Amino acid sequence: MSADPRVSIHPDSSVLMAAIAARLITKLVDIQDKHGEATVVLTGGTVGIGTLRAVADSPAAPAVDWSRVNFWWGDERFVAAGDDDRNTGQARLALLSHLAVDPARVHEPGSTDDFGSPEEAASDYARRLRDAAQAEHAADASDDRPDTPGSLPRFDVVLLGVGPDAHVASLFPEQAGIREKNLTVVGVRNSPKPPPERISLTLPAINTATEVWMVVAGEDKAGAVGLALAGANPVQVPAAGPRGLSRTLWLIDENAASRVPEQLVRKESTGS
């Protein structure tokens, strides 16, 4: 059963990113206490990458055993591995290069260096997710999920930004990706936002996460946020679709909150 959304509003984007960073560090410590390791799905964008910088700068960051954190990405641009547009490269500069991570636990989606099409890269990413799920299932006999390996590992926290058009990951309104019901990863072509070719987790894959955190700042996102929280159809408003199994958080700044239904609002100056 998925969780109804809860909204936390912060005064501005800098406070928001610091609050998300503090919340993420605390969450990863708690998860490691329970499972020994933790898995986070990262996002790009201004807030996503800014949050990673805030994590790296936090004096609390050493509380996490970063060598036992698994990193995946919700989407990636299908360009060369060294391209500045890559979410993975930006995440390395902002966070991963500053931490003692285990390279084997950093799972970057494929690039044009290795694959001829976004569909090929998506298929490879889906295979690696299946492999991780099978290894996790075999290693954890106490896992309380159904007794099948499944096609996805446990996603403890999925971070998602939201575009002004309400896209999440690389799932855009009315396109094939947001309509996908069976695959865990899709190749995306003709993205309305450049670059045009991408790789993305699907909505069913995202919604296997224990917690989904929607991280949004800016007045240009207010319409998308309002529609999503009003219960719009995810095909037209993809941001309406993500739901964590135990928690769905909208962590937003005041500029993005102007059209949020009042009954959903919880204003905060710091993360909790």
C-alpha atoms as a PDB file:
ATOM      1  CA  MET A   1       0.000   0.000   0.000  1.00  0.00           C
ATOM      2  CA  SER A   2       1.443   3.382  -1.002  1.00  0.00           C
ATOM      3  CA  ALA A   3       1.601   6.410   1.255  1.00  0.00           C
ATOM      4  CA  ASP A   4      -0.387   9.603   0.741  1.00  0.00           C
ATOM      5  CA  PRO A   5       1.821  12.644   0.242  1.00  0.00           C
ATOM      6  CA  ARG A   6       2.992  14.906   3.031  1.00  0.00           C
ATOM      7  CA  VAL A   7       4.252  18.397   2.203  1.00  0.00           C
ATOM      8  CA  SER A   8       7.002  20.282   4.023  1.00  0.00           C
ATOM      9  CA  ILE A   9       7.605  23.868   2.929  1.00  0.00           C
ATOM     10  CA  HIS A  10      10.880  25.668   3.566  1.00  0.00           C
ATOM     11  CA  PRO A  11      11.559  29.403   3.257  1.00  0.00           C
ATOM     12  CA  ASP A  12      13.910  29.286   0.262  1.00  0.00           C
ATOM     13  CA  SER A  13      15.950  26.906  -1.861  1.00  0.00           C
ATOM     14  CA  SER A  14      19.146  27.127   0.207  1.00  0.00           C
ATOM     15  CA  VAL A  15      17.315  26.242   3.422  1.00  0.00           C
ATOM     16  CA  LEU A  16      15.454  23.528   1.526  1.00  0.00           C
ATOM     17  CA  MET A  17      18.620  21.851   0.245  1.00  0.00           C
ATOM     18  CA  ALA A  18      20.276  21.949   3.663  1.00  0.00           C
ATOM     19  CA  ALA A  19      17.150  20.452   5.234  1.00  0.00           C
ATOM     20  CA  ILE A  20      16.936  17.646   2.669  1.00  0.00           C
ATOM     21  CA  ALA A  21      20.630  16.888   3.213  1.00  0.00           C
ATOM     22  CA  ALA A  22      20.162  16.655   6.985  1.00  0.00           C
ATOM     23  CA  ARG A  23      17.090  14.487   6.537  1.00  0.00           C
ATOM     24  CA  LEU A  24      18.908  12.175   4.111  1.00  0.00           C
ATOM     25  CA  ILE A  25      21.923  11.708   6.386  1.00  0.00           C
ATOM     26  CA  THR A  26      19.654  10.829   9.305  1.00  0.00           C
ATOM     27  CA  LYS A  27      17.617   8.446   7.164  1.00  0.00           C
ATOM     28  CA  LEU A  28      20.695   6.622   5.845  1.00  0.00           C
ATOM     29  CA  VAL A  29      22.049   6.167   9.379  1.00  0.00           C
ATOM     30  CA  ASP A  30      18.709   4.728  10.500  1.00  0.00           C
ATOM     31  CA  ILE A  31      18.529   2.370   7.515  1.00  0.00           C
ATOM     32  CA  GLN A  32      22.071   1.140   8.069  1.00  0.00           C
ATOM     33  CA  ASP A  33      21.246   0.457  11.704  1.00  0.00           C
ATOM     34  CA  LYS A  34      18.388  -1.763  10.494  1.00  0.00           C
ATOM     35  CA  HIS A  35      19.783  -3.396   7.352  1.00  0.00           C
ATOM     36  CA  GLY A  36      23.548  -2.862   7.498  1.00  0.00           C
ATOM     37  CA  GLU A  37      23.462  -1.051   4.174  1.00  0.00           C
ATOM     38  CA  ALA A  38      21.264   1.515   2.480  1.00  0.00           C
ATOM     39  CA  THR A  39      20.179   2.267  -1.068  1.00  0.00           C
ATOM     40  CA  VAL A  40      19.406   5.705  -2.443  1.00  0.00           C
ATOM     41  CA  VAL A  41      18.260   6.650  -5.936  1.00  0.00           C
ATOM     42  CA  LEU A  42      19.664  10.041  -6.912  1.00  0.00           C
ATOM     43  CA  THR A  43      18.261  12.768  -9.123  1.00  0.00           C
ATOM     44  CA  GLY A  44      19.822  15.603 -11.068  1.00  0.00           C
ATOM     45  CA  GLY A  45      18.666  19.188 -11.376  1.00  0.00           C
ATOM     46  CA  THR A  46      19.411  22.255  -9.304  1.00  0.00           C
ATOM     47  CA  VAL A  47      17.858  20.995  -6.071  1.00  0.00           C
ATOM     48  CA  GLY A  48      19.050  17.418  -6.501  1.00  0.00           C
ATOM     49  CA  ILE A  49      22.685  18.318  -7.092  1.00  0.00           C
ATOM     50  CA  GLY A  50      22.572  21.175  -4.576  1.00  0.00           C
ATOM     51  CA  THR A  51      21.351  18.716  -1.964  1.00  0.00           C
ATOM     52  CA  LEU A  52      24.301  16.431  -2.695  1.00  0.00           C
ATOM     53  CA  ARG A  53      26.688  19.356  -2.193  1.00  0.00           C
ATOM     54  CA  ALA A  54      24.973  20.098   1.109  1.00  0.00           C
ATOM     55  CA  VAL A  55      25.444  16.478   2.181  1.00  0.00           C
ATOM     56  CA  ALA A  56      29.149  16.631   1.332  1.00  0.00           C
ATOM     57  CA  ASP A  57      29.508  19.873   3.317  1.00  0.00           C
ATOM     58  CA  SER A  58      27.574  18.648   6.346  1.00  0.00           C
ATOM     59  CA  PRO A  59      29.548  17.970   9.535  1.00  0.00           C
ATOM     60  CA  ALA A  60      27.141  15.072  10.117  1.00  0.00           C
ATOM     61  CA  ALA A  61      28.087  13.281   6.883  1.00  0.00           C
ATOM     62  CA  PRO A  62      30.682  10.994   8.573  1.00  0.00           C
ATOM     63  CA  ALA A  63      27.857   9.444  10.617  1.00  0.00           C
ATOM     64  CA  VAL A  64      26.972   7.449   7.482  1.00  0.00           C
ATOM     65  CA  ASP A  65      29.110   4.478   6.455  1.00  0.00           C
ATOM     66  CA  TRP A  66      29.331   5.570   2.838  1.00  0.00           C
ATOM     67  CA  SER A  67      31.120   2.381   1.832  1.00  0.00           C
ATOM     68  CA  ARG A  68      27.832   0.571   2.498  1.00  0.00           C
ATOM     69  CA  VAL A  69      25.518   2.867   0.550  1.00  0.00           C
ATOM     70  CA  ASN A  70      24.276   1.716  -2.858  1.00  0.00           C
ATOM     71  CA  PHE A  71      23.752   4.503  -5.390  1.00  0.00           C
ATOM     72  CA  TRP A  72      21.423   4.288  -8.383  1.00  0.00           C
ATOM     73  CA  TRP A  73      19.909   7.004 -10.582  1.00  0.00           C
ATOM     74  CA  GLY A  74      16.301   7.641 -11.484  1.00  0.00           C
ATOM     75  CA  ASP A  75      17.303   8.766 -14.955  1.00  0.00           C
ATOM     76  CA  GLU A  76      20.279   9.706 -17.054  1.00  0.00           C
ATOM     77  CA  ARG A  77      20.952  11.560 -20.270  1.00  0.00           C
ATOM     78  CA  PHE A  78      22.071   9.209 -23.058  1.00  0.00           C
ATOM     79  CA  VAL A  79      25.228  11.070 -24.009  1.00  0.00           C
ATOM     80  CA  ALA A  80      28.956  10.382 -23.712  1.00  0.00           C
ATOM     81  CA  ALA A  81      30.206   9.361 -20.266  1.00  0.00           C
ATOM     82  CA  GLY A  82      32.204  12.561 -19.849  1.00  0.00           C
ATOM     83  CA  ASP A  83      29.450  14.917 -21.022  1.00  0.00           C
ATOM     84  CA  ASP A  84      28.602  17.735 -18.607  1.00  0.00           C
ATOM     85  CA  ASP A  85      24.902  16.896 -19.013  1.00  0.00           C
ATOM     86  CA  ARG A  86      25.310  13.554 -17.227  1.00  0.00           C
ATOM     87  CA  ASN A  87      23.580  13.435 -13.840  1.00  0.00           C
ATOM     88  CA  THR A  88      26.147  10.889 -12.719  1.00  0.00           C
ATOM     89  CA  GLY A  89      29.076  13.191 -13.453  1.00  0.00           C
ATOM     90  CA  GLN A  90      27.442  16.062 -11.601  1.00  0.00           C
ATOM     91  CA  ALA A  91      26.770  13.770  -8.630  1.00  0.00           C
ATOM     92  CA  ARG A  92      30.400  12.676  -8.563  1.00  0.00           C
ATOM     93  CA  LEU A  93      31.600  16.273  -8.494  1.00  0.00           C
ATOM     94  CA  ALA A  94      29.071  17.315  -5.851  1.00  0.00           C
ATOM     95  CA  LEU A  95      29.234  14.324  -3.508  1.00  0.00           C
ATOM     96  CA  LEU A  96      30.672  10.969  -4.502  1.00  0.00           C
ATOM     97  CA  SER A  97      34.233  12.156  -5.101  1.00  0.00           C
ATOM     98  CA  HIS A  98      34.281  13.534  -1.533  1.00  0.00           C
ATOM     99  CA  LEU A  99      33.240  10.287   0.165  1.00  0.00           C
ATOM    100  CA  ALA A 100      34.757   6.861   0.790  1.00  0.00           C
ATOM    101  CA  VAL A 101      32.188   5.117  -1.409  1.00  0.00           C
ATOM    102  CA  ASP A 102      32.567   1.580  -2.706  1.00  0.00           C
ATOM    103  CA  PRO A 103      32.863   1.904  -6.516  1.00  0.00           C
ATOM    104  CA  ALA A 104      31.066  -1.435  -6.888  1.00  0.00           C
ATOM    105  CA  ARG A 105      28.010   0.131  -5.221  1.00  0.00           C
ATOM    106  CA  VAL A 106      27.840   3.110  -7.619  1.00  0.00           C
ATOM    107  CA  HIS A 107      25.589   1.999 -10.475  1.00  0.00           C
ATOM    108  CA  GLU A 108      25.729   4.497 -13.322  1.00  0.00           C
ATOM    109  CA  PRO A 109      23.370   4.031 -16.277  1.00  0.00           C
ATOM    110  CA  GLY A 110      25.115   3.369 -19.582  1.00  0.00           C
ATOM    111  CA  SER A 111      26.308   6.007 -22.013  1.00  0.00           C
ATOM    112  CA  THR A 112      26.860   6.360 -25.755  1.00  0.00           C
ATOM    113  CA  ASP A 113      30.412   5.156 -25.138  1.00  0.00           C
ATOM    114  CA  ASP A 114      29.055   1.644 -24.535  1.00  0.00           C
ATOM    115  CA  PHE A 115      25.642   1.401 -26.214  1.00  0.00           C
ATOM    116  CA  GLY A 116      24.191   2.262 -29.586  1.00  0.00           C
ATOM    117  CA  SER A 117      20.739   3.308 -28.407  1.00  0.00           C
ATOM    118  CA  PRO A 118      18.949   4.390 -25.234  1.00  0.00           C
ATOM    119  CA  GLU A 119      16.915   1.173 -25.396  1.00  0.00           C
ATOM    120  CA  GLU A 120      20.094  -0.923 -25.229  1.00  0.00           C
ATOM    121  CA  ALA A 121      21.351   1.120 -22.282  1.00  0.00           C
ATOM    122  CA  ALA A 122      17.953   0.805 -20.568  1.00  0.00           C
ATOM    123  CA  SER A 123      18.001  -2.975 -21.006  1.00  0.00           C
ATOM    124  CA  ASP A 124      21.482  -3.140 -19.469  1.00  0.00           C
ATOM    125  CA  TYR A 125      20.425  -0.979 -16.510  1.00  0.00           C
ATOM    126  CA  ALA A 126      17.372  -3.191 -15.951  1.00  0.00           C
ATOM    127  CA  ARG A 127      19.601  -6.273 -16.018  1.00  0.00           C
ATOM    128  CA  ARG A 128      21.924  -4.787 -13.400  1.00  0.00           C
ATOM    129  CA  LEU A 129      18.948  -3.950 -11.217  1.00  0.00           C
ATOM    130  CA  ARG A 130      17.753  -7.568 -11.502  1.00  0.00           C
ATOM    131  CA  ASP A 131      21.219  -8.841 -10.599  1.00  0.00           C
ATOM    132  CA  ALA A 132      21.318  -6.577  -7.537  1.00  0.00           C
ATOM    133  CA  ALA A 133      17.849  -7.737  -6.494  1.00  0.00           C
ATOM    134  CA  GLN A 134      18.839 -11.389  -6.760  1.00  0.00           C
ATOM    135  CA  ALA A 135      22.048 -10.835  -4.783  1.00  0.00           C
ATOM    136  CA  GLU A 136      20.172  -8.906  -2.112  1.00  0.00           C
ATOM    137  CA  HIS A 137      17.526 -11.563  -1.792  1.00  0.00           C
ATOM    138  CA  ALA A 138      20.106 -14.341  -1.496  1.00  0.00           C
ATOM    139  CA  ALA A 139      22.089 -12.433   1.142  1.00  0.00           C
ATOM    140  CA  ASP A 140      19.180 -11.447   3.372  1.00  0.00           C
ATOM    141  CA  ALA A 141      17.143 -14.387   4.586  1.00  0.00           C
ATOM    142  CA  SER A 142      15.345 -12.075   7.028  1.00  0.00           C
ATOM    143  CA  ASP A 143      13.947  -9.908   4.234  1.00  0.00           C
ATOM    144  CA  ASP A 144      10.210  -9.503   4.834  1.00  0.00           C
ATOM    145  CA  ARG A 145       9.321  -9.118   1.159  1.00  0.00           C
ATOM    146  CA  PRO A 146       7.654 -11.972  -0.758  1.00  0.00           C
ATOM    147  CA  ASP A 147       9.883 -15.000  -1.275  1.00  0.00           C
ATOM    148  CA  THR A 148      10.938 -14.143  -4.827  1.00  0.00           C
ATOM    149  CA  PRO A 149      14.042 -12.319  -6.005  1.00  0.00           C
ATOM    150  CA  GLY A 150      12.016  -9.758  -7.907  1.00  0.00           C
ATOM    151  CA  SER A 151      13.431  -7.473 -10.567  1.00  0.00           C
ATOM    152  CA  LEU A 152      14.479  -4.567  -8.338  1.00  0.00           C
ATOM    153  CA  PRO A 153      16.603  -4.228  -5.222  1.00  0.00           C
ATOM    154  CA  ARG A 154      15.192  -2.478  -2.147  1.00  0.00           C
ATOM    155  CA  PHE A 155      15.078   1.263  -2.824  1.00  0.00           C
ATOM    156  CA  ASP A 156      15.148   2.915   0.602  1.00  0.00           C
ATOM    157  CA  VAL A 157      14.874   6.485  -0.673  1.00  0.00           C
ATOM    158  CA  VAL A 158      14.158   7.709  -4.197  1.00  0.00           C
ATOM    159  CA  LEU A 159      14.847  11.407  -4.778  1.00  0.00           C
ATOM    160  CA  LEU A 160      12.930  13.062  -7.609  1.00  0.00           C
ATOM    161  CA  GLY A 161      12.916  16.556  -9.003  1.00  0.00           C
ATOM    162  CA  VAL A 162       9.959  17.999 -10.901  1.00  0.00           C
ATOM    163  CA  GLY A 163      10.096  19.994 -14.118  1.00  0.00           C
ATOM    164  CA  PRO A 164       7.874  22.981 -14.942  1.00  0.00           C
ATOM    165  CA  ASP A 165       5.976  20.599 -17.253  1.00  0.00           C
ATOM    166  CA  ALA A 166       5.549  18.206 -14.276  1.00  0.00           C
ATOM    167  CA  HIS A 167       7.955  15.565 -15.600  1.00  0.00           C
ATOM    168  CA  VAL A 168       9.808  13.374 -13.102  1.00  0.00           C
ATOM    169  CA  ALA A 169      12.975  11.423 -13.859  1.00  0.00           C
ATOM    170  CA  SER A 170      12.721  11.381 -17.682  1.00  0.00           C
ATOM    171  CA  LEU A 171       9.023  10.548 -17.741  1.00  0.00           C
ATOM    172  CA  PHE A 172       7.342  13.337 -19.698  1.00  0.00           C
ATOM    173  CA  PRO A 173       3.639  14.145 -20.054  1.00  0.00           C
ATOM    174  CA  GLU A 174       1.754  12.014 -22.588  1.00  0.00           C
ATOM    175  CA  GLN A 175       4.878  10.175 -23.757  1.00  0.00           C
ATOM    176  CA  ALA A 176       5.388   6.421 -23.854  1.00  0.00           C
ATOM    177  CA  GLY A 177       7.602   6.315 -20.766  1.00  0.00           C
ATOM    178  CA  ILE A 178       4.944   7.517 -18.337  1.00  0.00           C
ATOM    179  CA  ARG A 179       2.485   4.980 -19.789  1.00  0.00           C
ATOM    180  CA  GLU A 180       4.825   1.997 -19.335  1.00  0.00           C
ATOM    181  CA  LYS A 181       3.378  -0.644 -16.997  1.00  0.00           C
ATOM    182  CA  ASN A 182       5.694  -3.652 -17.353  1.00  0.00           C
ATOM    183  CA  LEU A 183       9.314  -2.558 -17.782  1.00  0.00           C
ATOM    184  CA  THR A 184      11.440  -1.211 -14.935  1.00  0.00           C
ATOM    185  CA  VAL A 185      13.633   0.957 -17.200  1.00  0.00           C
ATOM    186  CA  VAL A 186      12.868   2.585 -20.535  1.00  0.00           C
ATOM    187  CA  GLY A 187      14.826   4.308 -23.249  1.00  0.00           C
ATOM    188  CA  VAL A 188      13.481   7.767 -23.997  1.00  0.00           C
ATOM    189  CA  ARG A 189      13.591   9.470 -27.377  1.00  0.00           C
ATOM    190  CA  ASN A 190      12.411  12.919 -28.432  1.00  0.00           C
ATOM    191  CA  SER A 191      12.539  14.336 -24.923  1.00  0.00           C
ATOM    192  CA  PRO A 192      11.010  17.837 -25.003  1.00  0.00           C
ATOM    193  CA  LYS A 193      13.918  18.918 -22.828  1.00  0.00           C
ATOM    194  CA  PRO A 194      17.416  18.473 -24.312  1.00  0.00           C
ATOM    195  CA  PRO A 195      19.265  16.242 -24.676  1.00  0.00           C
ATOM    196  CA  PRO A 196      16.584  14.281 -26.542  1.00  0.00           C
ATOM    197  CA  GLU A 197      17.716  10.739 -25.676  1.00  0.00           C
ATOM    198  CA  ARG A 198      17.609   9.455 -22.087  1.00  0.00           C
ATOM    199  CA  ILE A 199      17.253   6.421 -19.820  1.00  0.00           C
ATOM    200  CA  SER A 200      14.665   6.394 -17.037  1.00  0.00           C
ATOM    201  CA  LEU A 201      13.170   4.267 -14.321  1.00  0.00           C
ATOM    202  CA  THR A 202       9.464   3.767 -14.940  1.00  0.00           C
ATOM    203  CA  LEU A 203       6.705   4.778 -12.555  1.00  0.00           C
ATOM    204  CA  PRO A 204       6.092   1.163 -11.425  1.00  0.00           C
ATOM    205  CA  ALA A 205       9.806   0.871 -10.578  1.00  0.00           C
ATOM    206  CA  ILE A 206       9.853   4.178  -8.693  1.00  0.00           C
ATOM    207  CA  ASN A 207       6.802   3.127  -6.706  1.00  0.00           C
ATOM    208  CA  THR A 208       8.559   0.093  -5.236  1.00  0.00           C
ATOM    209  CA  ALA A 209      10.597   2.493  -3.071  1.00  0.00           C
ATOM    210  CA  THR A 210      10.095   2.549   0.666  1.00  0.00           C
ATOM    211  CA  GLU A 211      10.172   6.340   0.583  1.00  0.00           C
ATOM    212  CA  VAL A 212       9.835   8.774  -2.308  1.00  0.00           C
ATOM    213  CA  TRP A 213      11.028  12.343  -1.765  1.00  0.00           C
ATOM    214  CA  MET A 214       9.919  14.967  -4.279  1.00  0.00           C
ATOM    215  CA  VAL A 215      12.420  17.840  -4.041  1.00  0.00           C
ATOM    216  CA  VAL A 216      11.285  21.051  -5.718  1.00  0.00           C
ATOM    217  CA  ALA A 217      12.128  24.767  -5.674  1.00  0.00           C
ATOM    218  CA  GLY A 218      11.078  27.736  -7.759  1.00  0.00           C
ATOM    219  CA  GLU A 219       7.947  29.609  -8.792  1.00  0.00           C
ATOM    220  CA  ASP A 220       8.124  28.036 -12.255  1.00  0.00           C
ATOM    221  CA  LYS A 221       7.323  24.670 -10.631  1.00  0.00           C
ATOM    222  CA  ALA A 222       4.304  25.869  -8.632  1.00  0.00           C
ATOM    223  CA  GLY A 223       1.731  24.905 -11.250  1.00  0.00           C
ATOM    224  CA  ALA A 224       3.161  21.403 -11.607  1.00  0.00           C
ATOM    225  CA  VAL A 225       3.297  20.936  -7.838  1.00  0.00           C
ATOM    226  CA  GLY A 226      -0.278  22.123  -7.391  1.00  0.00           C
ATOM    227  CA  LEU A 227      -1.643  19.844 -10.105  1.00  0.00           C
ATOM    228  CA  ALA A 228       0.280  16.842  -8.809  1.00  0.00           C
ATOM    229  CA  LEU A 229      -0.948  17.292  -5.260  1.00  0.00           C
ATOM    230  CA  ALA A 230      -4.504  17.877  -6.463  1.00  0.00           C
ATOM    231  CA  GLY A 231      -4.531  14.329  -7.807  1.00  0.00           C
ATOM    232  CA  ALA A 232      -4.098  14.879 -11.528  1.00  0.00           C
ATOM    233  CA  ASN A 233      -3.718  11.956 -13.928  1.00  0.00           C
ATOM    234  CA  PRO A 234      -0.032  10.925 -14.045  1.00  0.00           C
ATOM    235  CA  VAL A 235      -0.142  10.531 -17.835  1.00  0.00           C
ATOM    236  CA  GLN A 236      -0.759  14.276 -18.120  1.00  0.00           C
ATOM    237  CA  VAL A 237       1.037  15.204 -14.867  1.00  0.00           C
ATOM    238  CA  PRO A 238       3.773  12.623 -14.200  1.00  0.00           C
ATOM    239  CA  ALA A 239       4.626  14.211 -10.843  1.00  0.00           C
ATOM    240  CA  ALA A 240       1.243  13.025  -9.575  1.00  0.00           C
ATOM    241  CA  GLY A 241       2.310   9.395  -9.933  1.00  0.00           C
ATOM    242  CA  PRO A 242       5.213   8.667  -7.542  1.00  0.00           C
ATOM    243  CA  ARG A 243       4.226   7.106  -4.211  1.00  0.00           C
ATOM    244  CA  GLY A 244       6.509   5.502  -1.646  1.00  0.00           C
ATOM    245  CA  LEU A 245       5.355   2.323   0.021  1.00  0.00           C
ATOM    246  CA  SER A 246       5.669   3.846   3.493  1.00  0.00           C
ATOM    247  CA  ARG A 247       6.224   7.554   2.876  1.00  0.00           C
ATOM    248  CA  THR A 248       5.803  10.144   0.140  1.00  0.00           C
ATOM    249  CA  LEU A 249       7.361  13.508   0.965  1.00  0.00           C
ATOM    250  CA  TRP A 250       7.131  16.731  -0.975  1.00  0.00           C
ATOM    251  CA  LEU A 251      10.060  18.855   0.209  1.00  0.00           C
ATOM    252  CA  ILE A 252       9.610  22.239  -1.428  1.00  0.00           C
ATOM    253  CA  ASP A 253      10.351  25.910  -0.991  1.00  0.00           C
ATOM    254  CA  GLU A 254       7.769  28.660  -0.612  1.00  0.00           C
ATOM    255  CA  ASN A 255       8.087  29.720  -4.248  1.00  0.00           C
ATOM    256  CA  ALA A 256       7.018  26.254  -5.399  1.00  0.00           C
ATOM    257  CA  ALA A 257       4.223  26.052  -2.839  1.00  0.00           C
ATOM    258  CA  SER A 258       1.843  28.799  -3.920  1.00  0.00           C
ATOM    259  CA  ARG A 259      -0.731  26.352  -5.349  1.00  0.00           C
ATOM    260  CA  VAL A 260      -0.480  23.578  -2.776  1.00  0.00           C
ATOM    261  CA  PRO A 261      -3.803  22.668  -1.111  1.00  0.00           C
ATOM    262  CA  GLU A 262      -3.712  24.188   2.387  1.00  0.00           C
ATOM    263  CA  GLN A 263      -4.686  20.971   4.143  1.00  0.00           C
ATOM    264  CA  LEU A 264      -1.480  19.305   2.938  1.00  0.00           C
ATOM    265  CA  VAL A 265       0.895  22.001   4.120  1.00  0.00           C
ATOM    266  CA  ARG A 266       3.414  21.715   6.914  1.00  0.00           C
ATOM    267  CA  LYS A 267       5.802  24.648   7.060  1.00  0.00           C
ATOM    268  CA  GLU A 268       9.320  24.064   8.354  1.00  0.00           C
ATOM    269  CA  SER A 269      12.479  26.074   8.711  1.00  0.00           C
ATOM    270  CA  THR A 270      14.673  23.007   9.035  1.00  0.00           C
ATOM    271  CA  GLY A 271      14.417  19.342   8.063  1.00  0.00           C
ATOM    272  CA  SER A 272      12.960  16.747  10.386  1.00  0.00           C
END
